[in-house]
């Protein structure tokens, strides 16, 4: 029975690692698009002739990008994907 528990634990760990790798790949696939969209949003905000620059909006984008960077740094792929999906 002990060997079965060990094998089950190893299988669970392998499944978890596979899921994390899939999330990481998804994050990396969407990351370039996210940064391009964010850059365009900020540029549009800074160069708009229609309305004054919304510095709060730019600050919120900056905070979201800091959160994203943090999640990438600690390899928290699920939360990183959530941040990216807010923009992509």
C-alpha atoms as a PDB file:
ATOM      1  CA  UNK A   1       0.000   0.000   0.000  1.00  0.00           C
ATOM      2  CA  UNK A   2       2.856   2.380   0.764  1.00  0.00           C
ATOM      3  CA  UNK A   3       4.226   1.913  -2.753  1.00  0.00           C
ATOM      4  CA  UNK A   4       0.795   2.694  -4.222  1.00  0.00           C
ATOM      5  CA  UNK A   5       0.606   5.923  -2.219  1.00  0.00           C
ATOM      6  CA  UNK A   6       4.073   6.888  -3.386  1.00  0.00           C
ATOM      7  CA  UNK A   7       3.161   6.172  -7.020  1.00  0.00           C
ATOM      8  CA  UNK A   8      -0.070   8.157  -6.702  1.00  0.00           C
ATOM      9  CA  UNK A   9       1.887  11.077  -5.226  1.00  0.00           C
ATOM     10  CA  UNK A  10       4.416  10.908  -8.057  1.00  0.00           C
ATOM     11  CA  UNK A  11       1.619  10.827 -10.637  1.00  0.00           C
ATOM     12  CA  UNK A  12      -0.064  13.822  -9.015  1.00  0.00           C
ATOM     13  CA  UNK A  13       3.220  15.730  -9.008  1.00  0.00           C
ATOM     14  CA  UNK A  14       3.819  14.918 -12.684  1.00  0.00           C
ATOM     15  CA  UNK A  15       0.313  16.073 -13.560  1.00  0.00           C
ATOM     16  CA  UNK A  16       0.783  19.304 -11.601  1.00  0.00           C
ATOM     17  CA  UNK A  17       4.093  19.997 -13.346  1.00  0.00           C
ATOM     18  CA  UNK A  18       2.510  19.365 -16.746  1.00  0.00           C
ATOM     19  CA  UNK A  19      -0.338  21.757 -15.942  1.00  0.00           C
ATOM     20  CA  UNK A  20       2.138  24.416 -14.768  1.00  0.00           C
ATOM     21  CA  UNK A  21       4.168  24.036 -17.955  1.00  0.00           C
ATOM     22  CA  UNK A  22       1.019  24.428 -20.056  1.00  0.00           C
ATOM     23  CA  UNK A  23       0.069  27.583 -18.123  1.00  0.00           C
ATOM     24  CA  UNK A  24       3.612  28.959 -18.521  1.00  0.00           C
ATOM     25  CA  UNK A  25       3.496  28.357 -22.270  1.00  0.00           C
ATOM     26  CA  UNK A  26       0.108  30.081 -22.476  1.00  0.00           C
ATOM     27  CA  UNK A  27       1.451  33.069 -20.523  1.00  0.00           C
ATOM     28  CA  UNK A  28       4.485  33.379 -22.780  1.00  0.00           C
ATOM     29  CA  UNK A  29       2.327  33.091 -25.912  1.00  0.00           C
ATOM     30  CA  UNK A  30       0.097  35.963 -24.790  1.00  0.00           C
ATOM     31  CA  UNK A  31       2.772  38.138 -23.181  1.00  0.00           C
ATOM     32  CA  UNK A  32       3.967  39.950 -26.319  1.00  0.00           C
ATOM     33  CA  UNK A  33       0.400  40.806 -27.314  1.00  0.00           C
ATOM     34  CA  UNK A  34      -0.311  42.081 -23.828  1.00  0.00           C
ATOM     35  CA  UNK A  35       2.643  44.458 -23.806  1.00  0.00           C
ATOM     36  CA  UNK A  36       1.800  45.730 -27.287  1.00  0.00           C
ATOM     37  CA  UNK A  37      -1.783  46.428 -26.241  1.00  0.00           C
ATOM     38  CA  UNK A  38      -0.686  48.155 -23.033  1.00  0.00           C
ATOM     39  CA  UNK A  39       1.835  50.285 -24.930  1.00  0.00           C
ATOM     40  CA  UNK A  40      -0.877  51.302 -27.398  1.00  0.00           C
ATOM     41  CA  UNK A  41      -3.318  52.126 -24.574  1.00  0.00           C
ATOM     42  CA  UNK A  42      -0.771  54.360 -22.858  1.00  0.00           C
ATOM     43  CA  UNK A  43       0.266  56.036 -26.104  1.00  0.00           C
ATOM     44  CA  UNK A  44      -3.362  56.703 -26.993  1.00  0.00           C
ATOM     45  CA  UNK A  45      -3.972  58.146 -23.541  1.00  0.00           C
ATOM     46  CA  UNK A  46      -0.920  60.414 -23.724  1.00  0.00           C
ATOM     47  CA  UNK A  47      -1.555  61.676 -27.248  1.00  0.00           C
ATOM     48  CA  UNK A  48      -5.327  62.102 -27.192  1.00  0.00           C
ATOM     49  CA  UNK A  49      -6.530  65.460 -28.479  1.00  0.00           C
ATOM     50  CA  UNK A  50     -10.089  64.687 -27.414  1.00  0.00           C
ATOM     51  CA  UNK A  51      -9.654  64.468 -23.652  1.00  0.00           C
ATOM     52  CA  UNK A  52      -7.034  65.273 -21.041  1.00  0.00           C
ATOM     53  CA  UNK A  53      -4.599  62.541 -20.045  1.00  0.00           C
ATOM     54  CA  UNK A  54      -6.129  60.180 -17.508  1.00  0.00           C
ATOM     55  CA  UNK A  55      -3.171  59.683 -15.182  1.00  0.00           C
ATOM     56  CA  UNK A  56      -5.200  57.422 -12.894  1.00  0.00           C
ATOM     57  CA  UNK A  57      -5.791  55.040 -15.788  1.00  0.00           C
ATOM     58  CA  UNK A  58      -2.083  55.057 -16.651  1.00  0.00           C
ATOM     59  CA  UNK A  59      -1.221  54.449 -12.995  1.00  0.00           C
ATOM     60  CA  UNK A  60      -3.628  51.498 -12.852  1.00  0.00           C
ATOM     61  CA  UNK A  61      -2.041  50.003 -15.962  1.00  0.00           C
ATOM     62  CA  UNK A  62       1.381  50.457 -14.378  1.00  0.00           C
ATOM     63  CA  UNK A  63       0.244  48.706 -11.203  1.00  0.00           C
ATOM     64  CA  UNK A  64      -1.189  45.821 -13.218  1.00  0.00           C
ATOM     65  CA  UNK A  65       2.126  45.465 -15.044  1.00  0.00           C
ATOM     66  CA  UNK A  66       3.970  45.442 -11.695  1.00  0.00           C
ATOM     67  CA  UNK A  67       1.637  42.692 -10.506  1.00  0.00           C
ATOM     68  CA  UNK A  68       2.258  40.769 -13.716  1.00  0.00           C
ATOM     69  CA  UNK A  69       6.021  41.117 -13.323  1.00  0.00           C
ATOM     70  CA  UNK A  70       5.776  39.852  -9.750  1.00  0.00           C
ATOM     71  CA  UNK A  71       3.765  36.794 -10.812  1.00  0.00           C
ATOM     72  CA  UNK A  72       6.234  36.053 -13.599  1.00  0.00           C
ATOM     73  CA  UNK A  73       9.131  36.353 -11.163  1.00  0.00           C
ATOM     74  CA  UNK A  74       7.687  33.849  -8.701  1.00  0.00           C
ATOM     75  CA  UNK A  75       6.373  31.630 -11.513  1.00  0.00           C
ATOM     76  CA  UNK A  76       2.751  32.013 -10.437  1.00  0.00           C
ATOM     77  CA  UNK A  77       1.455  31.267 -13.933  1.00  0.00           C
ATOM     78  CA  UNK A  78      -2.264  31.196 -13.144  1.00  0.00           C
ATOM     79  CA  UNK A  79      -2.274  34.709 -11.667  1.00  0.00           C
ATOM     80  CA  UNK A  80       0.007  35.967 -14.444  1.00  0.00           C
ATOM     81  CA  UNK A  81      -2.480  34.654 -16.986  1.00  0.00           C
ATOM     82  CA  UNK A  82      -5.322  36.422 -15.192  1.00  0.00           C
ATOM     83  CA  UNK A  83      -3.433  39.745 -15.388  1.00  0.00           C
ATOM     84  CA  UNK A  84      -2.652  39.210 -19.071  1.00  0.00           C
ATOM     85  CA  UNK A  85      -6.236  38.275 -19.899  1.00  0.00           C
ATOM     86  CA  UNK A  86      -7.337  41.631 -18.517  1.00  0.00           C
ATOM     87  CA  UNK A  87      -5.659  43.218 -21.549  1.00  0.00           C
ATOM     88  CA  UNK A  88      -5.624  40.596 -24.315  1.00  0.00           C
END
